[in-house]
Amino acid sequence: MRADKARLQLDLDQPPAGPTPDHLALIRNQIKEIITVGGHKEKKAMFEALVEDIEIQRRQRHPTLPHPDRQQWRRAGPGASP
């Protein structure tokens, strides 16, 4: 039990690792493939996974994208805060 607690604490103390360059390349290639040859259902599923919300104000769209830490959200586009 103590070993489990120590392992869990170590996991909490270390920052999460980001995706590797190979993993990013795989994701990028999958997105390109969906955009170029995917059907409507595949494109819709991809955008639903990537975009949390879209606000429309005065004919301008403002998508909200998930922040890497998944606890905060950021708005994308002109005038967006980082």
C-alpha atoms as a PDB file:
ATOM      1  CA  MET A   1       0.000   0.000   0.000  1.00  0.00           C
ATOM      2  CA  ARG A   2       2.857   2.385   0.822  1.00  0.00           C
ATOM      3  CA  ALA A   3       4.542   1.534  -2.482  1.00  0.00           C
ATOM      4  CA  ASP A   4       1.316   2.365  -4.319  1.00  0.00           C
ATOM      5  CA  LYS A   5       1.032   5.669  -2.469  1.00  0.00           C
ATOM      6  CA  ALA A   6       4.655   6.551  -3.269  1.00  0.00           C
ATOM      7  CA  ARG A   7       4.164   5.662  -6.956  1.00  0.00           C
ATOM      8  CA  LEU A   8       0.988   7.741  -7.144  1.00  0.00           C
ATOM      9  CA  GLN A   9       2.694  10.682  -5.437  1.00  0.00           C
ATOM     10  CA  LEU A  10       5.589  10.462  -7.896  1.00  0.00           C
ATOM     11  CA  ASP A  11       3.093  10.511 -10.776  1.00  0.00           C
ATOM     12  CA  LEU A  12       1.456  13.619  -9.308  1.00  0.00           C
ATOM     13  CA  ASP A  13       4.782  15.388  -8.762  1.00  0.00           C
ATOM     14  CA  GLN A  14       5.949  14.925 -12.352  1.00  0.00           C
ATOM     15  CA  PRO A  15       4.396  17.171 -14.995  1.00  0.00           C
ATOM     16  CA  PRO A  16       2.516  15.294 -17.697  1.00  0.00           C
ATOM     17  CA  ALA A  17       4.532  14.532 -20.809  1.00  0.00           C
ATOM     18  CA  GLY A  18       3.391  16.097 -24.042  1.00  0.00           C
ATOM     19  CA  PRO A  19       2.932  14.196 -27.267  1.00  0.00           C
ATOM     20  CA  THR A  20       6.059  13.060 -29.084  1.00  0.00           C
ATOM     21  CA  PRO A  21       6.917  14.419 -32.550  1.00  0.00           C
ATOM     22  CA  ASP A  22       5.942  11.022 -34.010  1.00  0.00           C
ATOM     23  CA  HIS A  23       2.567  11.156 -32.270  1.00  0.00           C
ATOM     24  CA  LEU A  24       1.953  14.713 -33.543  1.00  0.00           C
ATOM     25  CA  ALA A  25       2.855  13.617 -37.078  1.00  0.00           C
ATOM     26  CA  LEU A  26       0.385  10.741 -36.832  1.00  0.00           C
ATOM     27  CA  ILE A  27      -2.384  13.098 -35.656  1.00  0.00           C
ATOM     28  CA  ARG A  28      -1.537  15.628 -38.380  1.00  0.00           C
ATOM     29  CA  ASN A  29      -1.666  12.928 -41.067  1.00  0.00           C
ATOM     30  CA  GLN A  30      -5.000  11.629 -39.792  1.00  0.00           C
ATOM     31  CA  ILE A  31      -6.478  15.146 -39.857  1.00  0.00           C
ATOM     32  CA  LYS A  32      -5.186  15.714 -43.410  1.00  0.00           C
ATOM     33  CA  GLU A  33      -6.662  12.405 -44.520  1.00  0.00           C
ATOM     34  CA  ILE A  34     -10.061  13.176 -43.008  1.00  0.00           C
ATOM     35  CA  ILE A  35     -10.120  16.628 -44.605  1.00  0.00           C
ATOM     36  CA  THR A  36      -9.075  15.405 -48.057  1.00  0.00           C
ATOM     37  CA  VAL A  37     -10.892  12.071 -48.429  1.00  0.00           C
ATOM     38  CA  GLY A  38     -13.187  11.741 -45.419  1.00  0.00           C
ATOM     39  CA  GLY A  39     -16.921  11.804 -45.701  1.00  0.00           C
ATOM     40  CA  HIS A  40     -19.307  14.152 -43.926  1.00  0.00           C
ATOM     41  CA  LYS A  41     -19.611  11.894 -40.866  1.00  0.00           C
ATOM     42  CA  GLU A  42     -15.836  11.605 -40.424  1.00  0.00           C
ATOM     43  CA  LYS A  43     -15.333  15.378 -40.761  1.00  0.00           C
ATOM     44  CA  LYS A  44     -18.152  16.098 -38.337  1.00  0.00           C
ATOM     45  CA  ALA A  45     -16.724  13.653 -35.776  1.00  0.00           C
ATOM     46  CA  MET A  46     -13.261  15.221 -36.102  1.00  0.00           C
ATOM     47  CA  PHE A  47     -14.539  18.760 -35.596  1.00  0.00           C
ATOM     48  CA  GLU A  48     -16.686  17.686 -32.656  1.00  0.00           C
ATOM     49  CA  ALA A  49     -13.550  16.207 -31.064  1.00  0.00           C
ATOM     50  CA  LEU A  50     -11.428  19.309 -31.738  1.00  0.00           C
ATOM     51  CA  VAL A  51     -13.851  22.200 -31.131  1.00  0.00           C
ATOM     52  CA  GLU A  52     -15.687  22.627 -27.841  1.00  0.00           C
ATOM     53  CA  ASP A  53     -17.998  25.490 -28.799  1.00  0.00           C
ATOM     54  CA  ILE A  54     -18.573  28.035 -31.571  1.00  0.00           C
ATOM     55  CA  GLU A  55     -19.930  31.483 -30.769  1.00  0.00           C
ATOM     56  CA  ILE A  56     -21.330  33.601 -33.586  1.00  0.00           C
ATOM     57  CA  GLN A  57     -21.293  37.360 -33.056  1.00  0.00           C
ATOM     58  CA  ARG A  58     -21.998  39.815 -35.855  1.00  0.00           C
ATOM     59  CA  ARG A  59     -21.341  37.211 -38.541  1.00  0.00           C
ATOM     60  CA  GLN A  60     -17.970  36.274 -37.019  1.00  0.00           C
ATOM     61  CA  ARG A  61     -17.317  32.793 -35.688  1.00  0.00           C
ATOM     62  CA  HIS A  62     -15.255  32.255 -32.537  1.00  0.00           C
ATOM     63  CA  PRO A  63     -14.440  28.577 -31.881  1.00  0.00           C
ATOM     64  CA  THR A  64     -13.398  27.562 -28.384  1.00  0.00           C
ATOM     65  CA  LEU A  65     -10.572  25.022 -28.402  1.00  0.00           C
ATOM     66  CA  PRO A  66      -9.459  22.824 -25.507  1.00  0.00           C
ATOM     67  CA  HIS A  67      -6.360  24.044 -23.692  1.00  0.00           C
ATOM     68  CA  PRO A  68      -3.594  21.413 -23.308  1.00  0.00           C
ATOM     69  CA  ASP A  69      -4.208  21.043 -19.571  1.00  0.00           C
ATOM     70  CA  ARG A  70      -7.875  20.218 -20.362  1.00  0.00           C
ATOM     71  CA  GLN A  71      -9.064  22.264 -17.359  1.00  0.00           C
ATOM     72  CA  GLN A  72      -9.154  25.588 -19.148  1.00  0.00           C
ATOM     73  CA  TRP A  73     -10.553  26.595 -22.499  1.00  0.00           C
ATOM     74  CA  ARG A  74      -9.260  29.236 -24.841  1.00  0.00           C
ATOM     75  CA  ARG A  75     -10.921  31.093 -27.646  1.00  0.00           C
ATOM     76  CA  ALA A  76      -9.330  30.865 -31.084  1.00  0.00           C
ATOM     77  CA  GLY A  77      -9.249  33.513 -33.754  1.00  0.00           C
ATOM     78  CA  PRO A  78      -8.772  37.273 -33.983  1.00  0.00           C
ATOM     79  CA  GLY A  79      -8.615  39.010 -30.628  1.00  0.00           C
ATOM     80  CA  ALA A  80      -8.273  35.709 -28.808  1.00  0.00           C
ATOM     81  CA  SER A  81      -6.414  35.584 -25.554  1.00  0.00           C
ATOM     82  CA  PRO A  82      -3.547  33.046 -25.338  1.00  0.00           C
END
